[in-house]
PDB file of N, CA and C in Angstrom:
ATOM      1  N   MET A   1      16.861 -42.040  42.974  1.00  0.00           N
ATOM      2  CA  MET A   1      16.936 -40.614  42.726  1.00  0.00           C
ATOM      3  C   MET A   1      16.077 -39.909  43.774  1.00  0.00           C
ATOM      4  N   ALA A   2      16.638 -38.956  44.460  1.00  0.00           N
ATOM      5  CA  ALA A   2      15.936 -38.278  45.544  1.00  0.00           C
ATOM      6  C   ALA A   2      15.266 -36.994  45.061  1.00  0.00           C
ATOM      7  N   ALA A   3      14.150 -36.682  45.716  1.00  0.00           N
ATOM      8  CA  ALA A   3      13.507 -35.396  45.441  1.00  0.00           C
ATOM      9  C   ALA A   3      14.491 -34.284  45.782  1.00  0.00           C
ATOM     10  N   PHE A   4      14.493 -33.274  44.951  1.00  0.00           N
ATOM     11  CA  PHE A   4      15.335 -32.079  45.063  1.00  0.00           C
ATOM     12  C   PHE A   4      16.779 -32.311  44.649  1.00  0.00           C
ATOM     13  N   ASP A   5      17.058 -33.469  44.026  1.00  0.00           N
ATOM     14  CA  ASP A   5      18.370 -33.665  43.398  1.00  0.00           C
ATOM     15  C   ASP A   5      18.508 -32.668  42.264  1.00  0.00           C
ATOM     16  N   LEU A   6      19.679 -32.110  42.140  1.00  0.00           N
ATOM     17  CA  LEU A   6      19.972 -31.104  41.122  1.00  0.00           C
ATOM     18  C   LEU A   6      20.791 -31.732  40.005  1.00  0.00           C
ATOM     19  N   HIS A   7      20.391 -31.479  38.757  1.00  0.00           N
ATOM     20  CA  HIS A   7      21.082 -32.032  37.592  1.00  0.00           C
ATOM     21  C   HIS A   7      21.364 -30.923  36.587  1.00  0.00           C
ATOM     22  N   ARG A   8      22.429 -31.076  35.863  1.00  0.00           N
ATOM     23  CA  ARG A   8      22.663 -30.182  34.729  1.00  0.00           C
ATOM     24  C   ARG A   8      21.605 -30.490  33.685  1.00  0.00           C
ATOM     25  N   ASN A   9      21.166 -29.478  32.987  1.00  0.00           N
ATOM     26  CA  ASN A   9      20.146 -29.646  31.956  1.00  0.00           C
ATOM     27  C   ASN A   9      20.697 -30.549  30.849  1.00  0.00           C
ATOM     28  N   PRO A  10      20.046 -31.690  30.591  1.00  0.00           N
ATOM     29  CA  PRO A  10      20.545 -32.608  29.567  1.00  0.00           C
ATOM     30  C   PRO A  10      20.119 -32.253  28.134  1.00  0.00           C
ATOM     31  N   SER A  11      19.498 -31.111  27.943  1.00  0.00           N
ATOM     32  CA  SER A  11      19.035 -30.723  26.612  1.00  0.00           C
ATOM     33  C   SER A  11      20.203 -30.680  25.625  1.00  0.00           C
ATOM     34  N   PRO A  12      19.985 -31.159  24.401  1.00  0.00           N
ATOM     35  CA  PRO A  12      21.043 -31.070  23.392  1.00  0.00           C
ATOM     36  C   PRO A  12      21.238 -29.649  22.857  1.00  0.00           C
ATOM     37  N   SER A  13      20.324 -28.744  23.175  1.00  0.00           N
ATOM     38  CA  SER A  13      20.385 -27.367  22.677  1.00  0.00           C
ATOM     39  C   SER A  13      21.256 -26.493  23.582  1.00  0.00           C
ATOM     40  N   PRO A  14      22.348 -25.928  23.046  1.00  0.00           N
ATOM     41  CA  PRO A  14      23.183 -25.023  23.847  1.00  0.00           C
ATOM     42  C   PRO A  14      22.402 -23.803  24.345  1.00  0.00           C
ATOM     43  N   THR A  15      21.495 -23.291  23.541  1.00  0.00           N
ATOM     44  CA  THR A  15      20.688 -22.141  23.939  1.00  0.00           C
ATOM     45  C   THR A  15      19.800 -22.497  25.128  1.00  0.00           C
ATOM     46  N   GLU A  16      19.202 -23.657  25.070  1.00  0.00           N
ATOM     47  CA  GLU A  16      18.348 -24.129  26.168  1.00  0.00           C
ATOM     48  C   GLU A  16      19.167 -24.304  27.449  1.00  0.00           C
ATOM     49  N   ARG A  17      20.345 -24.888  27.327  1.00  0.00           N
ATOM     50  CA  ARG A  17      21.205 -25.092  28.503  1.00  0.00           C
ATOM     51  C   ARG A  17      21.725 -23.771  29.060  1.00  0.00           C
ATOM     52  N   GLU A  18      21.928 -22.787  28.201  1.00  0.00           N
ATOM     53  CA  GLU A  18      22.384 -21.469  28.665  1.00  0.00           C
ATOM     54  C   GLU A  18      21.300 -20.774  29.492  1.00  0.00           C
ATOM     55  N   GLY A  19      20.079 -20.807  29.008  1.00  0.00           N
ATOM     56  CA  GLY A  19      18.976 -20.148  29.707  1.00  0.00           C
ATOM     57  C   GLY A  19      18.478 -20.915  30.920  1.00  0.00           C
ATOM     58  N   PHE A  20      18.558 -22.230  30.850  1.00  0.00           N
ATOM     59  CA  PHE A  20      18.093 -23.117  31.914  1.00  0.00           C
ATOM     60  C   PHE A  20      19.207 -24.112  32.231  1.00  0.00           C
ATOM     61  N   PRO A  21      20.224 -23.706  32.980  1.00  0.00           N
ATOM     62  CA  PRO A  21      21.397 -24.559  33.165  1.00  0.00           C
ATOM     63  C   PRO A  21      21.164 -25.797  34.034  1.00  0.00           C
ATOM     64  N   TYR A  22      20.146 -25.767  34.880  1.00  0.00           N
ATOM     65  CA  TYR A  22      19.896 -26.888  35.791  1.00  0.00           C
ATOM     66  C   TYR A  22      18.424 -27.247  35.801  1.00  0.00           C
ATOM     67  N   ILE A  23      18.173 -28.489  36.201  1.00  0.00           N
ATOM     68  CA  ILE A  23      16.818 -28.933  36.499  1.00  0.00           C
ATOM     69  C   ILE A  23      16.863 -29.608  37.868  1.00  0.00           C
ATOM     70  N   VAL A  24      15.764 -29.537  38.557  1.00  0.00           N
ATOM     71  CA  VAL A  24      15.680 -30.154  39.879  1.00  0.00           C
ATOM     72  C   VAL A  24      14.539 -31.164  39.876  1.00  0.00           C
ATOM     73  N   VAL A  25      14.799 -32.333  40.423  1.00  0.00           N
ATOM     74  CA  VAL A  25      13.796 -33.394  40.501  1.00  0.00           C
ATOM     75  C   VAL A  25      12.824 -33.052  41.627  1.00  0.00           C
ATOM     76  N   LEU A  26      11.544 -33.094  41.320  1.00  0.00           N
ATOM     77  CA  LEU A  26      10.519 -32.842  42.330  1.00  0.00           C
ATOM     78  C   LEU A  26       9.857 -34.131  42.815  1.00  0.00           C
ATOM     79  N   GLN A  27       9.978 -35.162  42.044  1.00  0.00           N
ATOM     80  CA  GLN A  27       9.260 -36.406  42.290  1.00  0.00           C
ATOM     81  C   GLN A  27       9.846 -37.182  43.461  1.00  0.00           C
ATOM     82  N   SER A  28       8.975 -37.729  44.272  1.00  0.00           N
ATOM     83  CA  SER A  28       9.382 -38.546  45.409  1.00  0.00           C
ATOM     84  C   SER A  28      10.112 -39.809  44.952  1.00  0.00           C
ATOM     85  N   ALA A  29      11.096 -40.223  45.723  1.00  0.00           N
ATOM     86  CA  ALA A  29      11.834 -41.452  45.422  1.00  0.00           C
ATOM     87  C   ALA A  29      10.934 -42.682  45.508  1.00  0.00           C
ATOM     88  N   GLN A  30       9.771 -42.561  46.149  1.00  0.00           N
ATOM     89  CA  GLN A  30       8.834 -43.684  46.212  1.00  0.00           C
ATOM     90  C   GLN A  30       8.324 -44.074  44.833  1.00  0.00           C
ATOM     91  N   LEU A  31       8.471 -43.157  43.869  1.00  0.00           N
ATOM     92  CA  LEU A  31       8.011 -43.431  42.502  1.00  0.00           C
ATOM     93  C   LEU A  31       9.179 -43.719  41.555  1.00  0.00           C
ATOM     94  N   ASP A  32      10.313 -44.147  42.096  1.00  0.00           N
ATOM     95  CA  ASP A  32      11.478 -44.434  41.264  1.00  0.00           C
ATOM     96  C   ASP A  32      11.244 -45.563  40.259  1.00  0.00           C
ATOM     97  N   PHE A  33      10.234 -46.374  40.463  1.00  0.00           N
ATOM     98  CA  PHE A  33       9.946 -47.457  39.529  1.00  0.00           C
ATOM     99  C   PHE A  33       9.377 -46.932  38.204  1.00  0.00           C
ATOM    100  N   LEU A  34       8.928 -45.683  38.181  1.00  0.00           N
ATOM    101  CA  LEU A  34       8.406 -45.091  36.949  1.00  0.00           C
ATOM    102  C   LEU A  34       9.559 -44.689  36.033  1.00  0.00           C
ATOM    103  N   PRO A  35       9.344 -44.701  34.731  1.00  0.00           N
ATOM    104  CA  PRO A  35      10.429 -44.367  33.798  1.00  0.00           C
ATOM    105  C   PRO A  35      10.672 -42.866  33.632  1.00  0.00           C
ATOM    106  N   THR A  36       9.855 -42.040  34.281  1.00  0.00           N
ATOM    107  CA  THR A  36       9.996 -40.587  34.157  1.00  0.00           C
ATOM    108  C   THR A  36      10.155 -39.955  35.526  1.00  0.00           C
ATOM    109  N   ARG A  37      10.611 -38.697  35.509  1.00  0.00           N
ATOM    110  CA  ARG A  37      10.719 -37.900  36.729  1.00  0.00           C
ATOM    111  C   ARG A  37      10.088 -36.542  36.461  1.00  0.00           C
ATOM    112  N   LEU A  38       9.353 -36.038  37.444  1.00  0.00           N
ATOM    113  CA  LEU A  38       8.824 -34.682  37.356  1.00  0.00           C
ATOM    114  C   LEU A  38       9.961 -33.739  37.724  1.00  0.00           C
ATOM    115  N   VAL A  39      10.276 -32.816  36.815  1.00  0.00           N
ATOM    116  CA  VAL A  39      11.394 -31.896  37.036  1.00  0.00           C
ATOM    117  C   VAL A  39      10.945 -30.450  36.839  1.00  0.00           C
ATOM    118  N   MET A  40      11.690 -29.557  37.485  1.00  0.00           N
ATOM    119  CA  MET A  40      11.465 -28.121  37.337  1.00  0.00           C
ATOM    120  C   MET A  40      12.775 -27.506  36.839  1.00  0.00           C
ATOM    121  N   PRO A  41      12.721 -26.773  35.736  1.00  0.00           N
ATOM    122  CA  PRO A  41      13.941 -26.090  35.288  1.00  0.00           C
ATOM    123  C   PRO A  41      14.236 -24.873  36.157  1.00  0.00           C
ATOM    124  N   LEU A  42      15.508 -24.560  36.260  1.00  0.00           N
ATOM    125  CA  LEU A  42      15.947 -23.341  36.938  1.00  0.00           C
ATOM    126  C   LEU A  42      16.508 -22.424  35.872  1.00  0.00           C
ATOM    127  N   GLN A  43      16.061 -21.183  35.863  1.00  0.00           N
ATOM    128  CA  GLN A  43      16.420 -20.286  34.764  1.00  0.00           C
ATOM    129  C   GLN A  43      17.274 -19.114  35.198  1.00  0.00           C
ATOM    130  N   ARG A  44      18.072 -18.671  34.246  1.00  0.00           N
ATOM    131  CA  ARG A  44      18.827 -17.432  34.413  1.00  0.00           C
ATOM    132  C   ARG A  44      17.945 -16.316  33.876  1.00  0.00           C
ATOM    133  N   LEU A  45      17.884 -15.224  34.603  1.00  0.00           N
ATOM    134  CA  LEU A  45      17.159 -14.051  34.132  1.00  0.00           C
ATOM    135  C   LEU A  45      18.123 -12.881  34.111  1.00  0.00           C
ATOM    136  N   ARG A  46      18.161 -12.187  33.002  1.00  0.00           N
ATOM    137  CA  ARG A  46      19.042 -11.019  32.881  1.00  0.00           C
ATOM    138  C   ARG A  46      18.581  -9.903  33.823  1.00  0.00           C
ATOM    139  N   ALA A  47      17.275  -9.686  33.867  1.00  0.00           N
ATOM    140  CA  ALA A  47      16.685  -8.692  34.763  1.00  0.00           C
ATOM    141  C   ALA A  47      15.391  -9.286  35.294  1.00  0.00           C
ATOM    142  N   GLN A  48      15.097  -9.006  36.518  1.00  0.00           N
ATOM    143  CA  GLN A  48      13.878  -9.532  37.110  1.00  0.00           C
ATOM    144  C   GLN A  48      12.663  -8.911  36.440  1.00  0.00           C
ATOM    145  N   SER A  49      11.745  -9.746  36.048  1.00  0.00           N
ATOM    146  CA  SER A  49      10.517  -9.293  35.402  1.00  0.00           C
ATOM    147  C   SER A  49       9.663  -8.540  36.407  1.00  0.00           C
ATOM    148  N   PRO A  50       9.289  -7.291  36.102  1.00  0.00           N
ATOM    149  CA  PRO A  50       8.525  -6.498  37.063  1.00  0.00           C
ATOM    150  C   PRO A  50       7.142  -7.072  37.354  1.00  0.00           C
ATOM    151  N   GLY A  51       6.572  -7.838  36.451  1.00  0.00           N
ATOM    152  CA  GLY A  51       5.238  -8.383  36.658  1.00  0.00           C
ATOM    153  C   GLY A  51       5.226  -9.756  37.294  1.00  0.00           C
ATOM    154  N   LEU A  52       6.392 -10.312  37.566  1.00  0.00           N
ATOM    155  CA  LEU A  52       6.469 -11.659  38.116  1.00  0.00           C
ATOM    156  C   LEU A  52       6.063 -11.656  39.589  1.00  0.00           C
ATOM    157  N   PRO A  53       5.049 -12.443  39.950  1.00  0.00           N
ATOM    158  CA  PRO A  53       4.624 -12.499  41.349  1.00  0.00           C
ATOM    159  C   PRO A  53       5.759 -12.975  42.257  1.00  0.00           C
ATOM    160  N   ARG A  54       5.752 -12.509  43.492  1.00  0.00           N
ATOM    161  CA  ARG A  54       6.811 -12.830  44.442  1.00  0.00           C
ATOM    162  C   ARG A  54       7.051 -14.328  44.579  1.00  0.00           C
ATOM    163  N   ARG A  55       5.987 -15.118  44.630  1.00  0.00           N
ATOM    164  CA  ARG A  55       6.148 -16.565  44.824  1.00  0.00           C
ATOM    165  C   ARG A  55       6.823 -17.232  43.635  1.00  0.00           C
ATOM    166  N   LEU A  56       6.794 -16.590  42.487  1.00  0.00           N
ATOM    167  CA  LEU A  56       7.483 -17.133  41.318  1.00  0.00           C
ATOM    168  C   LEU A  56       8.830 -16.443  41.087  1.00  0.00           C
ATOM    169  N   ALA A  57       9.126 -15.454  41.893  1.00  0.00           N
ATOM    170  CA  ALA A  57      10.349 -14.682  41.685  1.00  0.00           C
ATOM    171  C   ALA A  57      11.378 -14.881  42.794  1.00  0.00           C
ATOM    172  N   SER A  58      11.113 -15.792  43.707  1.00  0.00           N
ATOM    173  CA  SER A  58      12.076 -16.064  44.772  1.00  0.00           C
ATOM    174  C   SER A  58      13.203 -16.918  44.205  1.00  0.00           C
ATOM    175  N   PRO A  59      14.432 -16.470  44.336  1.00  0.00           N
ATOM    176  CA  PRO A  59      15.543 -17.200  43.735  1.00  0.00           C
ATOM    177  C   PRO A  59      16.072 -18.332  44.615  1.00  0.00           C
ATOM    178  N   VAL A  60      16.779 -19.245  43.969  1.00  0.00           N
ATOM    179  CA  VAL A  60      17.591 -20.250  44.648  1.00  0.00           C
ATOM    180  C   VAL A  60      19.033 -19.986  44.242  1.00  0.00           C
ATOM    181  N   VAL A  61      19.945 -20.429  45.056  1.00  0.00           N
ATOM    182  CA  VAL A  61      21.360 -20.227  44.761  1.00  0.00           C
ATOM    183  C   VAL A  61      22.004 -21.582  44.497  1.00  0.00           C
ATOM    184  N   VAL A  62      22.651 -21.681  43.339  1.00  0.00           N
ATOM    185  CA  VAL A  62      23.349 -22.900  42.933  1.00  0.00           C
ATOM    186  C   VAL A  62      24.777 -22.513  42.595  1.00  0.00           C
ATOM    187  N   GLU A  63      25.710 -23.079  43.341  1.00  0.00           N
ATOM    188  CA  GLU A  63      27.133 -22.812  43.113  1.00  0.00           C
ATOM    189  C   GLU A  63      27.409 -21.307  43.011  1.00  0.00           C
ATOM    190  N   GLY A  64      26.786 -20.535  43.894  1.00  0.00           N
ATOM    191  CA  GLY A  64      26.991 -19.090  43.935  1.00  0.00           C
ATOM    192  C   GLY A  64      26.215 -18.295  42.905  1.00  0.00           C
ATOM    193  N   GLU A  65      25.464 -18.958  42.048  1.00  0.00           N
ATOM    194  CA  GLU A  65      24.690 -18.272  41.010  1.00  0.00           C
ATOM    195  C   GLU A  65      23.217 -18.210  41.413  1.00  0.00           C
ATOM    196  N   THR A  66      22.605 -17.056  41.230  1.00  0.00           N
ATOM    197  CA  THR A  66      21.193 -16.871  41.524  1.00  0.00           C
ATOM    198  C   THR A  66      20.373 -17.314  40.312  1.00  0.00           C
ATOM    199  N   LEU A  67      19.489 -18.272  40.547  1.00  0.00           N
ATOM    200  CA  LEU A  67      18.612 -18.806  39.498  1.00  0.00           C
ATOM    201  C   LEU A  67      17.174 -18.755  39.995  1.00  0.00           C
ATOM    202  N   PHE A  68      16.250 -18.812  39.062  1.00  0.00           N
ATOM    203  CA  PHE A  68      14.839 -18.692  39.400  1.00  0.00           C
ATOM    204  C   PHE A  68      14.084 -19.949  38.975  1.00  0.00           C
ATOM    205  N   PRO A  69      13.256 -20.509  39.875  1.00  0.00           N
ATOM    206  CA  PRO A  69      12.460 -21.677  39.530  1.00  0.00           C
ATOM    207  C   PRO A  69      11.460 -21.351  38.422  1.00  0.00           C
ATOM    208  N   ALA A  70      11.450 -22.153  37.397  1.00  0.00           N
ATOM    209  CA  ALA A  70      10.483 -21.990  36.307  1.00  0.00           C
ATOM    210  C   ALA A  70       9.366 -23.013  36.530  1.00  0.00           C
ATOM    211  N   ALA A  71       8.614 -22.808  37.602  1.00  0.00           N
ATOM    212  CA  ALA A  71       7.584 -23.765  37.999  1.00  0.00           C
ATOM    213  C   ALA A  71       6.523 -23.954  36.917  1.00  0.00           C
ATOM    214  N   HIS A  72       6.279 -22.919  36.147  1.00  0.00           N
ATOM    215  CA  HIS A  72       5.280 -23.002  35.079  1.00  0.00           C
ATOM    216  C   HIS A  72       5.759 -23.876  33.922  1.00  0.00           C
ATOM    217  N   GLN A  73       7.021 -24.319  33.968  1.00  0.00           N
ATOM    218  CA  GLN A  73       7.565 -25.179  32.910  1.00  0.00           C
ATOM    219  C   GLN A  73       7.924 -26.574  33.422  1.00  0.00           C
ATOM    220  N   CYS A  74       7.370 -26.971  34.557  1.00  0.00           N
ATOM    221  CA  CYS A  74       7.603 -28.331  35.053  1.00  0.00           C
ATOM    222  C   CYS A  74       7.137 -29.330  34.001  1.00  0.00           C
ATOM    223  N   ALA A  75       7.847 -30.447  33.943  1.00  0.00           N
ATOM    224  CA  ALA A  75       7.505 -31.464  32.951  1.00  0.00           C
ATOM    225  C   ALA A  75       8.034 -32.821  33.399  1.00  0.00           C
ATOM    226  N   ALA A  76       7.506 -33.854  32.780  1.00  0.00           N
ATOM    227  CA  ALA A  76       8.045 -35.195  32.986  1.00  0.00           C
ATOM    228  C   ALA A  76       9.221 -35.371  32.031  1.00  0.00           C
ATOM    229  N   MET A  77      10.287 -35.965  32.545  1.00  0.00           N
ATOM    230  CA  MET A  77      11.488 -36.193  31.745  1.00  0.00           C
ATOM    231  C   MET A  77      11.898 -37.653  31.926  1.00  0.00           C
ATOM    232  N   PRO A  78      12.342 -38.302  30.853  1.00  0.00           N
ATOM    233  CA  PRO A  78      12.816 -39.679  31.014  1.00  0.00           C
ATOM    234  C   PRO A  78      13.950 -39.745  32.047  1.00  0.00           C
ATOM    235  N   ALA A  79      13.813 -40.631  33.005  1.00  0.00           N
ATOM    236  CA  ALA A  79      14.814 -40.772  34.066  1.00  0.00           C
ATOM    237  C   ALA A  79      16.184 -41.120  33.501  1.00  0.00           C
ATOM    238  N   ARG A  80      16.225 -41.812  32.382  1.00  0.00           N
ATOM    239  CA  ARG A  80      17.507 -42.221  31.799  1.00  0.00           C
ATOM    240  C   ARG A  80      18.346 -41.028  31.346  1.00  0.00           C
ATOM    241  N   LEU A  81      17.717 -39.863  31.155  1.00  0.00           N
ATOM    242  CA  LEU A  81      18.461 -38.667  30.750  1.00  0.00           C
ATOM    243  C   LEU A  81      19.160 -37.991  31.923  1.00  0.00           C
ATOM    244  N   LEU A  82      18.745 -38.345  33.118  1.00  0.00           N
ATOM    245  CA  LEU A  82      19.311 -37.716  34.313  1.00  0.00           C
ATOM    246  C   LEU A  82      20.488 -38.542  34.803  1.00  0.00           C
ATOM    247  N   ARG A  83      21.644 -38.001  34.651  1.00  0.00           N
ATOM    248  CA  ARG A  83      22.870 -38.687  35.071  1.00  0.00           C
ATOM    249  C   ARG A  83      23.105 -38.444  36.559  1.00  0.00           C
ATOM    250  N   GLN A  84      24.316 -38.434  36.947  1.00  0.00           N
ATOM    251  CA  GLN A  84      24.707 -38.202  38.341  1.00  0.00           C
ATOM    252  C   GLN A  84      24.272 -36.807  38.792  1.00  0.00           C
ATOM    253  N   PRO A  85      23.597 -36.688  39.938  1.00  0.00           N
ATOM    254  CA  PRO A  85      23.239 -35.353  40.426  1.00  0.00           C
ATOM    255  C   PRO A  85      24.494 -34.551  40.770  1.00  0.00           C
ATOM    256  N   VAL A  86      24.395 -33.236  40.589  1.00  0.00           N
ATOM    257  CA  VAL A  86      25.523 -32.354  40.905  1.00  0.00           C
ATOM    258  C   VAL A  86      25.322 -31.684  42.263  1.00  0.00           C
ATOM    259  N   GLY A  87      24.207 -31.958  42.893  1.00  0.00           N
ATOM    260  CA  GLY A  87      23.928 -31.380  44.201  1.00  0.00           C
ATOM    261  C   GLY A  87      22.495 -31.648  44.603  1.00  0.00           C
ATOM    262  N   SER A  88      22.088 -30.974  45.651  1.00  0.00           N
ATOM    263  CA  SER A  88      20.727 -31.100  46.154  1.00  0.00           C
ATOM    264  C   SER A  88      20.223 -29.716  46.553  1.00  0.00           C
ATOM    265  N   LEU A  89      18.952 -29.494  46.301  1.00  0.00           N
ATOM    266  CA  LEU A  89      18.316 -28.254  46.739  1.00  0.00           C
ATOM    267  C   LEU A  89      17.342 -28.527  47.885  1.00  0.00           C
ATOM    268  N   ALA A  90      17.563 -29.617  48.602  1.00  0.00           N
ATOM    269  CA  ALA A  90      16.672 -29.975  49.708  1.00  0.00           C
ATOM    270  C   ALA A  90      16.573 -28.846  50.727  1.00  0.00           C
ATOM    271  N   GLU A  91      17.667 -28.144  50.971  1.00  0.00           N
ATOM    272  CA  GLU A  91      17.641 -27.049  51.940  1.00  0.00           C
ATOM    273  C   GLU A  91      16.860 -25.835  51.427  1.00  0.00           C
ATOM    274  N   GLN A  92      16.636 -25.758  50.111  1.00  0.00           N
ATOM    275  CA  GLN A  92      15.893 -24.646  49.523  1.00  0.00           C
ATOM    276  C   GLN A  92      14.534 -25.099  48.990  1.00  0.00           C
ATOM    277  N   GLN A  93      14.091 -26.274  49.432  1.00  0.00           N
ATOM    278  CA  GLN A  93      12.859 -26.848  48.895  1.00  0.00           C
ATOM    279  C   GLN A  93      11.637 -25.986  49.156  1.00  0.00           C
ATOM    280  N   GLY A  94      11.633 -25.183  50.195  1.00  0.00           N
ATOM    281  CA  GLY A  94      10.489 -24.309  50.469  1.00  0.00           C
ATOM    282  C   GLY A  94      10.229 -23.341  49.328  1.00  0.00           C
ATOM    283  N   ILE A  95      11.292 -22.828  48.740  1.00  0.00           N
ATOM    284  CA  ILE A  95      11.165 -21.912  47.597  1.00  0.00           C
ATOM    285  C   ILE A  95      10.564 -22.641  46.404  1.00  0.00           C
ATOM    286  N   LEU A  96      11.037 -23.872  46.156  1.00  0.00           N
ATOM    287  CA  LEU A  96      10.543 -24.653  45.017  1.00  0.00           C
ATOM    288  C   LEU A  96       9.088 -25.047  45.211  1.00  0.00           C
ATOM    289  N   ARG A  97       8.744 -25.473  46.407  1.00  0.00           N
ATOM    290  CA  ARG A  97       7.358 -25.852  46.698  1.00  0.00           C
ATOM    291  C   ARG A  97       6.424 -24.644  46.584  1.00  0.00           C
ATOM    292  N   ASP A  98       6.885 -23.517  47.059  1.00  0.00           N
ATOM    293  CA  ASP A  98       6.086 -22.295  46.996  1.00  0.00           C
ATOM    294  C   ASP A  98       5.830 -21.883  45.547  1.00  0.00           C
ATOM    295  N   ALA A  99       6.857 -21.985  44.711  1.00  0.00           N
ATOM    296  CA  ALA A  99       6.699 -21.635  43.293  1.00  0.00           C
ATOM    297  C   ALA A  99       5.719 -22.586  42.610  1.00  0.00           C
ATOM    298  N   LEU A 100       5.834 -23.863  42.896  1.00  0.00           N
ATOM    299  CA  LEU A 100       4.922 -24.842  42.297  1.00  0.00           C
ATOM    300  C   LEU A 100       3.498 -24.620  42.801  1.00  0.00           C
ATOM    301  N   ASP A 101       3.357 -24.341  44.075  1.00  0.00           N
ATOM    302  CA  ASP A 101       2.038 -24.071  44.625  1.00  0.00           C
ATOM    303  C   ASP A 101       1.409 -22.830  43.989  1.00  0.00           C
ATOM    304  N   ALA A 102       2.226 -21.837  43.696  1.00  0.00           N
ATOM    305  CA  ALA A 102       1.706 -20.634  43.048  1.00  0.00           C
ATOM    306  C   ALA A 102       1.118 -20.950  41.671  1.00  0.00           C
ATOM    307  N   VAL A 103       1.732 -21.879  40.967  1.00  0.00           N
ATOM    308  CA  VAL A 103       1.233 -22.273  39.649  1.00  0.00           C
ATOM    309  C   VAL A 103      -0.051 -23.074  39.783  1.00  0.00           C
ATOM    310  N   ILE A 104      -0.084 -23.961  40.759  1.00  0.00           N
ATOM    311  CA  ILE A 104      -1.238 -24.848  40.919  1.00  0.00           C
ATOM    312  C   ILE A 104      -2.416 -24.148  41.599  1.00  0.00           C
ATOM    313  N   SER A 105      -2.148 -23.443  42.675  1.00  0.00           N
ATOM    314  CA  SER A 105      -3.213 -22.874  43.499  1.00  0.00           C
ATOM    315  C   SER A 105      -3.557 -21.430  43.175  1.00  0.00           C
ATOM    316  N   GLY A 106      -2.683 -20.784  42.463  1.00  0.00           N
ATOM    317  CA  GLY A 106      -2.890 -19.361  42.184  1.00  0.00           C
ATOM    318  C   GLY A 106      -2.027 -18.532  43.101  1.00  0.00           C
ATOM    319  N   LEU A 107      -2.006 -17.270  42.806  1.00  0.00           N
ATOM    320  CA  LEU A 107      -1.111 -16.378  43.525  1.00  0.00           C
ATOM    321  C   LEU A 107      -1.874 -15.693  44.605  1.00  0.00           C
TER     322      LEU A 107
END
């Protein structure tokens, strides 16, 4: 499994999948021997939050849809839940790294 592989959200909750339709793997393939993957959900927002800092409000585009990295909701997920990737966000990784850095380092 490669870093920045894009997967459909495997959550059993339709509401969760509606709000967060995709997750992206952040974890390096060097750690594929671990049973979990660090993932970041991508969220749909009806309207951009006026208080959201720029580094957390930069969108990514997936299949023509504008989604926003939910870096503050990164989590470990069992690798067995991640099926075949539906794409890669490697070309947009700067946005994802910037959002994660904003959470870790501050804005």
